[in-house]
C-alpha atoms as a PDB file:
ATOM      1  CA  UNK A   1      -2.548  78.193   1.663  1.00  0.00           C
ATOM      2  CA  UNK A   2       0.498  76.989   3.536  1.00  0.00           C
ATOM      3  CA  UNK A   3       2.039  78.910   6.400  1.00  0.00           C
ATOM      4  CA  UNK A   4       5.655  79.365   7.364  1.00  0.00           C
ATOM      5  CA  UNK A   5       4.942  76.965  10.235  1.00  0.00           C
ATOM      6  CA  UNK A   6       3.901  74.334   7.653  1.00  0.00           C
ATOM      7  CA  UNK A   7       7.167  74.849   5.787  1.00  0.00           C
ATOM      8  CA  UNK A   8       9.194  74.475   8.977  1.00  0.00           C
ATOM      9  CA  UNK A   9       7.292  71.298   9.896  1.00  0.00           C
ATOM     10  CA  UNK A  10       7.984  69.817   6.441  1.00  0.00           C
ATOM     11  CA  UNK A  11      11.682  70.598   6.848  1.00  0.00           C
ATOM     12  CA  UNK A  12      11.707  69.088  10.343  1.00  0.00           C
ATOM     13  CA  UNK A  13      10.006  65.861   9.198  1.00  0.00           C
ATOM     14  CA  UNK A  14      12.565  65.436   6.409  1.00  0.00           C
ATOM     15  CA  UNK A  15      15.598  66.637   8.360  1.00  0.00           C
ATOM     16  CA  UNK A  16      16.148  69.674   6.150  1.00  0.00           C
ATOM     17  CA  UNK A  17      17.945  72.654   7.657  1.00  0.00           C
ATOM     18  CA  UNK A  18      17.831  75.128   4.770  1.00  0.00           C
ATOM     19  CA  UNK A  19      15.600  76.372   1.987  1.00  0.00           C
ATOM     20  CA  UNK A  20      16.557  75.100  -1.477  1.00  0.00           C
ATOM     21  CA  UNK A  21      18.346  78.337  -2.402  1.00  0.00           C
ATOM     22  CA  UNK A  22      20.478  78.027   0.734  1.00  0.00           C
ATOM     23  CA  UNK A  23      21.422  74.355   0.284  1.00  0.00           C
ATOM     24  CA  UNK A  24      24.761  73.202  -0.927  1.00  0.00           C
ATOM     25  CA  UNK A  25      24.792  70.486  -3.546  1.00  0.00           C
ATOM     26  CA  UNK A  26      25.283  67.699  -0.990  1.00  0.00           C
ATOM     27  CA  UNK A  27      22.402  68.888   1.178  1.00  0.00           C
ATOM     28  CA  UNK A  28      20.134  69.142  -1.897  1.00  0.00           C
ATOM     29  CA  UNK A  29      21.122  65.632  -2.993  1.00  0.00           C
ATOM     30  CA  UNK A  30      20.265  64.352   0.491  1.00  0.00           C
ATOM     31  CA  UNK A  31      16.876  66.113   0.383  1.00  0.00           C
ATOM     32  CA  UNK A  32      16.146  64.440  -2.961  1.00  0.00           C
ATOM     33  CA  UNK A  33      17.152  61.053  -1.516  1.00  0.00           C
ATOM     34  CA  UNK A  34      14.755  61.604   1.412  1.00  0.00           C
ATOM     35  CA  UNK A  35      11.870  62.375  -1.009  1.00  0.00           C
ATOM     36  CA  UNK A  36      11.708  65.840   0.552  1.00  0.00           C
ATOM     37  CA  UNK A  37      11.546  67.681  -2.795  1.00  0.00           C
ATOM     38  CA  UNK A  38       9.672  65.336  -5.114  1.00  0.00           C
ATOM     39  CA  UNK A  39       8.380  61.805  -4.620  1.00  0.00           C
ATOM     40  CA  UNK A  40       6.213  59.144  -6.189  1.00  0.00           C
ATOM     41  CA  UNK A  41       2.807  59.008  -4.510  1.00  0.00           C
ATOM     42  CA  UNK A  42       0.528  56.011  -3.965  1.00  0.00           C
ATOM     43  CA  UNK A  43      -0.922  56.425  -7.475  1.00  0.00           C
ATOM     44  CA  UNK A  44       2.511  56.297  -9.097  1.00  0.00           C
ATOM     45  CA  UNK A  45       2.519  60.052  -9.866  1.00  0.00           C
ATOM     46  CA  UNK A  46       5.540  62.275  -9.356  1.00  0.00           C
ATOM     47  CA  UNK A  47       4.415  64.936  -6.901  1.00  0.00           C
ATOM     48  CA  UNK A  48       5.821  67.926  -5.084  1.00  0.00           C
ATOM     49  CA  UNK A  49       6.593  66.531  -1.626  1.00  0.00           C
ATOM     50  CA  UNK A  50       5.359  69.606   0.225  1.00  0.00           C
ATOM     51  CA  UNK A  51       2.060  70.310  -1.540  1.00  0.00           C
ATOM     52  CA  UNK A  52       1.320  66.909  -3.038  1.00  0.00           C
ATOM     53  CA  UNK A  53       0.675  68.586  -6.398  1.00  0.00           C
ATOM     54  CA  UNK A  54       1.144  66.143  -9.266  1.00  0.00           C
ATOM     55  CA  UNK A  55       3.969  67.046 -11.650  1.00  0.00           C
ATOM     56  CA  UNK A  56       3.762  63.999 -13.925  1.00  0.00           C
ATOM     57  CA  UNK A  57       1.223  61.186 -13.984  1.00  0.00           C
ATOM     58  CA  UNK A  58       2.991  58.793 -16.367  1.00  0.00           C
ATOM     59  CA  UNK A  59       6.251  58.196 -18.207  1.00  0.00           C
ATOM     60  CA  UNK A  60       5.278  60.314 -21.201  1.00  0.00           C
ATOM     61  CA  UNK A  61       4.480  63.288 -18.996  1.00  0.00           C
ATOM     62  CA  UNK A  62       7.731  62.739 -17.122  1.00  0.00           C
ATOM     63  CA  UNK A  63       9.665  62.806 -20.400  1.00  0.00           C
ATOM     64  CA  UNK A  64       7.966  66.102 -21.305  1.00  0.00           C
ATOM     65  CA  UNK A  65       8.725  67.537 -17.847  1.00  0.00           C
ATOM     66  CA  UNK A  66      12.385  66.514 -18.105  1.00  0.00           C
ATOM     67  CA  UNK A  67      12.653  68.072 -21.579  1.00  0.00           C
ATOM     68  CA  UNK A  68      11.074  71.278 -20.271  1.00  0.00           C
ATOM     69  CA  UNK A  69      13.446  71.409 -17.299  1.00  0.00           C
ATOM     70  CA  UNK A  70      16.405  70.857 -19.627  1.00  0.00           C
ATOM     71  CA  UNK A  71      15.290  73.892 -21.683  1.00  0.00           C
ATOM     72  CA  UNK A  72      15.061  75.951 -18.496  1.00  0.00           C
ATOM     73  CA  UNK A  73      18.549  74.838 -17.410  1.00  0.00           C
ATOM     74  CA  UNK A  74      20.290  77.368 -19.677  1.00  0.00           C
ATOM     75  CA  UNK A  75      18.729  80.266 -17.736  1.00  0.00           C
ATOM     76  CA  UNK A  76      19.975  79.079 -14.344  1.00  0.00           C
ATOM     77  CA  UNK A  77      23.297  79.720 -12.625  1.00  0.00           C
ATOM     78  CA  UNK A  78      25.787  76.894 -13.070  1.00  0.00           C
ATOM     79  CA  UNK A  79      26.683  76.627  -9.369  1.00  0.00           C
ATOM     80  CA  UNK A  80      24.916  77.356  -6.106  1.00  0.00           C
ATOM     81  CA  UNK A  81      26.249  80.549  -4.499  1.00  0.00           C
ATOM     82  CA  UNK A  82      26.726  78.720  -1.176  1.00  0.00           C
ATOM     83  CA  UNK A  83      29.014  76.148  -2.791  1.00  0.00           C
ATOM     84  CA  UNK A  84      30.970  78.859  -4.624  1.00  0.00           C
ATOM     85  CA  UNK A  85      31.548  80.820  -1.410  1.00  0.00           C
ATOM     86  CA  UNK A  86      32.680  77.742   0.518  1.00  0.00           C
ATOM     87  CA  UNK A  87      35.508  76.878  -1.872  1.00  0.00           C
END
């Protein structure tokens, strides 16, 4: 199990100031660019950057994951609350 200290260390290593729900779109894009959310590991798998848990091990699995995420998209808010409040 990971502790809050582990989470803070991960954020520090990647230069992340906020949790995902508190990031604006630009900060989230930067976190993605830094491989702080997901990354490709040494085996070529897409993994969660914090836990190392594999999310897709090949292109076919990635296509299925993308399709699944696209289905989930309709149940999510369109904009991040932080970005809406800052306009």
